[in-house]
Amino acid sequence: MQVARTITHAFELFGKRWTGPLVSVLTAGPAYSADLHGAIPGITQRMLSNRLAELGARELTVREVDEGPPLRVFYRLTEAGTALEPTLRALSQWAETYLLEGDQ
């Protein structure tokens, strides 16, 4: 039963739209807010801000300020966030094999 309980917690976070793509983009390294917005087609600035705040509250991302000029905000994954990279890569491979094979 422990697996069902823990996977439920994981999907409560990653089942939300945009969370997976956002973390995936950040696995490549720190990114400015504007770059994140451009890298994820369809996400609104408000939703981006909400997801980044939620990931920060879960200690998966860190918000940092580049004093500039101009003043710019960037985000990076924490150690816990970076630890998701192999899982996201495996999930992406699974989706490519089993979900997208008929779409190509």
C-alpha atoms as a PDB file:
ATOM      1  CA  MET A   1       0.000   0.000   0.000  1.00  0.00           C
ATOM      2  CA  GLN A   2       2.933   2.370   0.533  1.00  0.00           C
ATOM      3  CA  VAL A   3       3.600   2.562  -3.229  1.00  0.00           C
ATOM      4  CA  ALA A   4       0.021   3.615  -3.958  1.00  0.00           C
ATOM      5  CA  ARG A   5       0.206   6.306  -1.299  1.00  0.00           C
ATOM      6  CA  THR A   6       3.520   7.744  -2.452  1.00  0.00           C
ATOM      7  CA  ILE A   7       2.631   7.627  -6.156  1.00  0.00           C
ATOM      8  CA  THR A   8      -0.579   9.480  -5.330  1.00  0.00           C
ATOM      9  CA  HIS A   9       1.469  12.324  -3.843  1.00  0.00           C
ATOM     10  CA  ALA A  10       3.739  12.423  -6.880  1.00  0.00           C
ATOM     11  CA  PHE A  11       0.809  12.560  -9.305  1.00  0.00           C
ATOM     12  CA  GLU A  12      -0.938  15.247  -7.264  1.00  0.00           C
ATOM     13  CA  LEU A  13       1.976  17.486  -8.195  1.00  0.00           C
ATOM     14  CA  PHE A  14       2.976  16.167 -11.617  1.00  0.00           C
ATOM     15  CA  GLY A  15      -0.569  15.530 -12.740  1.00  0.00           C
ATOM     16  CA  LYS A  16      -1.120  19.253 -12.910  1.00  0.00           C
ATOM     17  CA  ARG A  17      -0.831  20.728 -16.366  1.00  0.00           C
ATOM     18  CA  TRP A  18       2.552  22.303 -17.170  1.00  0.00           C
ATOM     19  CA  THR A  19       4.455  20.918 -14.165  1.00  0.00           C
ATOM     20  CA  GLY A  20       6.210  18.124 -16.075  1.00  0.00           C
ATOM     21  CA  PRO A  21       7.225  20.267 -19.059  1.00  0.00           C
ATOM     22  CA  LEU A  22       8.436  23.016 -16.733  1.00  0.00           C
ATOM     23  CA  VAL A  23      10.674  20.698 -14.728  1.00  0.00           C
ATOM     24  CA  SER A  24      11.870  19.098 -17.973  1.00  0.00           C
ATOM     25  CA  VAL A  25      12.983  22.475 -19.331  1.00  0.00           C
ATOM     26  CA  LEU A  26      14.797  23.249 -16.087  1.00  0.00           C
ATOM     27  CA  THR A  27      16.753  19.971 -16.234  1.00  0.00           C
ATOM     28  CA  ALA A  28      18.837  21.640 -18.957  1.00  0.00           C
ATOM     29  CA  GLY A  29      19.918  24.280 -16.424  1.00  0.00           C
ATOM     30  CA  PRO A  30      18.809  27.562 -14.889  1.00  0.00           C
ATOM     31  CA  ALA A  31      16.442  29.647 -16.995  1.00  0.00           C
ATOM     32  CA  TYR A  32      15.007  33.134 -16.921  1.00  0.00           C
ATOM     33  CA  SER A  33      11.260  33.443 -16.532  1.00  0.00           C
ATOM     34  CA  ALA A  34      10.865  34.814 -20.072  1.00  0.00           C
ATOM     35  CA  ASP A  35      12.850  31.883 -21.482  1.00  0.00           C
ATOM     36  CA  LEU A  36      10.673  29.391 -19.615  1.00  0.00           C
ATOM     37  CA  HIS A  37       7.571  31.091 -20.959  1.00  0.00           C
ATOM     38  CA  GLY A  38       8.913  30.821 -24.507  1.00  0.00           C
ATOM     39  CA  ALA A  39      10.005  27.205 -24.115  1.00  0.00           C
ATOM     40  CA  ILE A  40       6.558  25.933 -23.123  1.00  0.00           C
ATOM     41  CA  PRO A  41       4.024  26.704 -25.859  1.00  0.00           C
ATOM     42  CA  GLY A  42       0.582  27.591 -24.556  1.00  0.00           C
ATOM     43  CA  ILE A  43       1.463  28.352 -20.947  1.00  0.00           C
ATOM     44  CA  THR A  44       0.271  31.717 -19.693  1.00  0.00           C
ATOM     45  CA  GLN A  45       2.510  33.947 -17.604  1.00  0.00           C
ATOM     46  CA  ARG A  46       0.107  33.591 -14.687  1.00  0.00           C
ATOM     47  CA  MET A  47       0.147  29.780 -14.861  1.00  0.00           C
ATOM     48  CA  LEU A  48       3.938  29.800 -15.167  1.00  0.00           C
ATOM     49  CA  SER A  49       4.178  31.924 -12.038  1.00  0.00           C
ATOM     50  CA  ASN A  50       1.736  29.655 -10.179  1.00  0.00           C
ATOM     51  CA  ARG A  51       3.591  26.475 -11.117  1.00  0.00           C
ATOM     52  CA  LEU A  52       6.979  27.975 -10.270  1.00  0.00           C
ATOM     53  CA  ALA A  53       5.639  29.088  -6.874  1.00  0.00           C
ATOM     54  CA  GLU A  54       4.255  25.612  -6.204  1.00  0.00           C
ATOM     55  CA  LEU A  55       7.525  23.935  -7.229  1.00  0.00           C
ATOM     56  CA  GLY A  56       9.385  26.372  -4.998  1.00  0.00           C
ATOM     57  CA  ALA A  57       7.097  25.601  -2.064  1.00  0.00           C
ATOM     58  CA  ARG A  58       7.839  21.890  -2.596  1.00  0.00           C
ATOM     59  CA  GLU A  59      11.565  22.755  -2.646  1.00  0.00           C
ATOM     60  CA  LEU A  60      12.062  21.502  -6.199  1.00  0.00           C
ATOM     61  CA  THR A  61      13.056  24.903  -7.611  1.00  0.00           C
ATOM     62  CA  VAL A  62      14.810  28.008  -6.375  1.00  0.00           C
ATOM     63  CA  ARG A  63      14.025  31.556  -7.501  1.00  0.00           C
ATOM     64  CA  GLU A  64      17.048  33.816  -7.840  1.00  0.00           C
ATOM     65  CA  VAL A  65      17.433  37.425  -8.879  1.00  0.00           C
ATOM     66  CA  ASP A  66      20.074  38.636 -11.329  1.00  0.00           C
ATOM     67  CA  GLU A  67      20.537  42.251 -10.231  1.00  0.00           C
ATOM     68  CA  GLY A  68      21.321  43.316 -13.790  1.00  0.00           C
ATOM     69  CA  PRO A  69      20.705  45.840 -15.080  1.00  0.00           C
ATOM     70  CA  PRO A  70      18.099  44.998 -16.045  1.00  0.00           C
ATOM     71  CA  LEU A  71      16.831  43.122 -13.031  1.00  0.00           C
ATOM     72  CA  ARG A  72      15.921  39.583 -14.129  1.00  0.00           C
ATOM     73  CA  VAL A  73      14.556  36.561 -12.273  1.00  0.00           C
ATOM     74  CA  PHE A  74      15.749  33.058 -13.033  1.00  0.00           C
ATOM     75  CA  TYR A  75      14.908  29.628 -11.707  1.00  0.00           C
ATOM     76  CA  ARG A  76      16.937  26.495 -11.161  1.00  0.00           C
ATOM     77  CA  LEU A  77      16.232  23.036  -9.858  1.00  0.00           C
ATOM     78  CA  THR A  78      17.258  22.091  -6.352  1.00  0.00           C
ATOM     79  CA  GLU A  79      18.960  18.776  -5.629  1.00  0.00           C
ATOM     80  CA  ALA A  80      15.508  17.210  -5.207  1.00  0.00           C
ATOM     81  CA  GLY A  81      14.366  18.679  -8.520  1.00  0.00           C
ATOM     82  CA  THR A  82      17.495  17.524 -10.340  1.00  0.00           C
ATOM     83  CA  ALA A  83      16.939  14.004  -8.978  1.00  0.00           C
ATOM     84  CA  LEU A  84      13.793  13.848 -11.155  1.00  0.00           C
ATOM     85  CA  GLU A  85      15.779  13.955 -14.412  1.00  0.00           C
ATOM     86  CA  PRO A  86      16.251  10.173 -14.850  1.00  0.00           C
ATOM     87  CA  THR A  87      12.570   9.587 -14.093  1.00  0.00           C
ATOM     88  CA  LEU A  88      11.459  12.234 -16.589  1.00  0.00           C
ATOM     89  CA  ARG A  89      13.806  10.823 -19.226  1.00  0.00           C
ATOM     90  CA  ALA A  90      12.402   7.305 -18.656  1.00  0.00           C
ATOM     91  CA  LEU A  91       8.816   8.591 -18.772  1.00  0.00           C
ATOM     92  CA  SER A  92       9.551  10.447 -22.011  1.00  0.00           C
ATOM     93  CA  GLN A  93      11.019   7.291 -23.558  1.00  0.00           C
ATOM     94  CA  TRP A  94       8.008   5.264 -22.429  1.00  0.00           C
ATOM     95  CA  ALA A  95       5.615   7.824 -23.956  1.00  0.00           C
ATOM     96  CA  GLU A  96       7.565   7.832 -27.211  1.00  0.00           C
ATOM     97  CA  THR A  97       7.434   4.037 -27.397  1.00  0.00           C
ATOM     98  CA  TYR A  98       3.890   3.347 -26.223  1.00  0.00           C
ATOM     99  CA  LEU A  99       1.865   6.514 -26.660  1.00  0.00           C
ATOM    100  CA  LEU A 100       3.314   8.175 -29.740  1.00  0.00           C
ATOM    101  CA  GLU A 101       4.134   5.179 -31.918  1.00  0.00           C
ATOM    102  CA  GLY A 102       0.861   5.494 -33.843  1.00  0.00           C
ATOM    103  CA  ASP A 103       1.084   9.283 -34.149  1.00  0.00           C
ATOM    104  CA  GLN A 104       4.240   9.306 -36.268  1.00  0.00           C
END
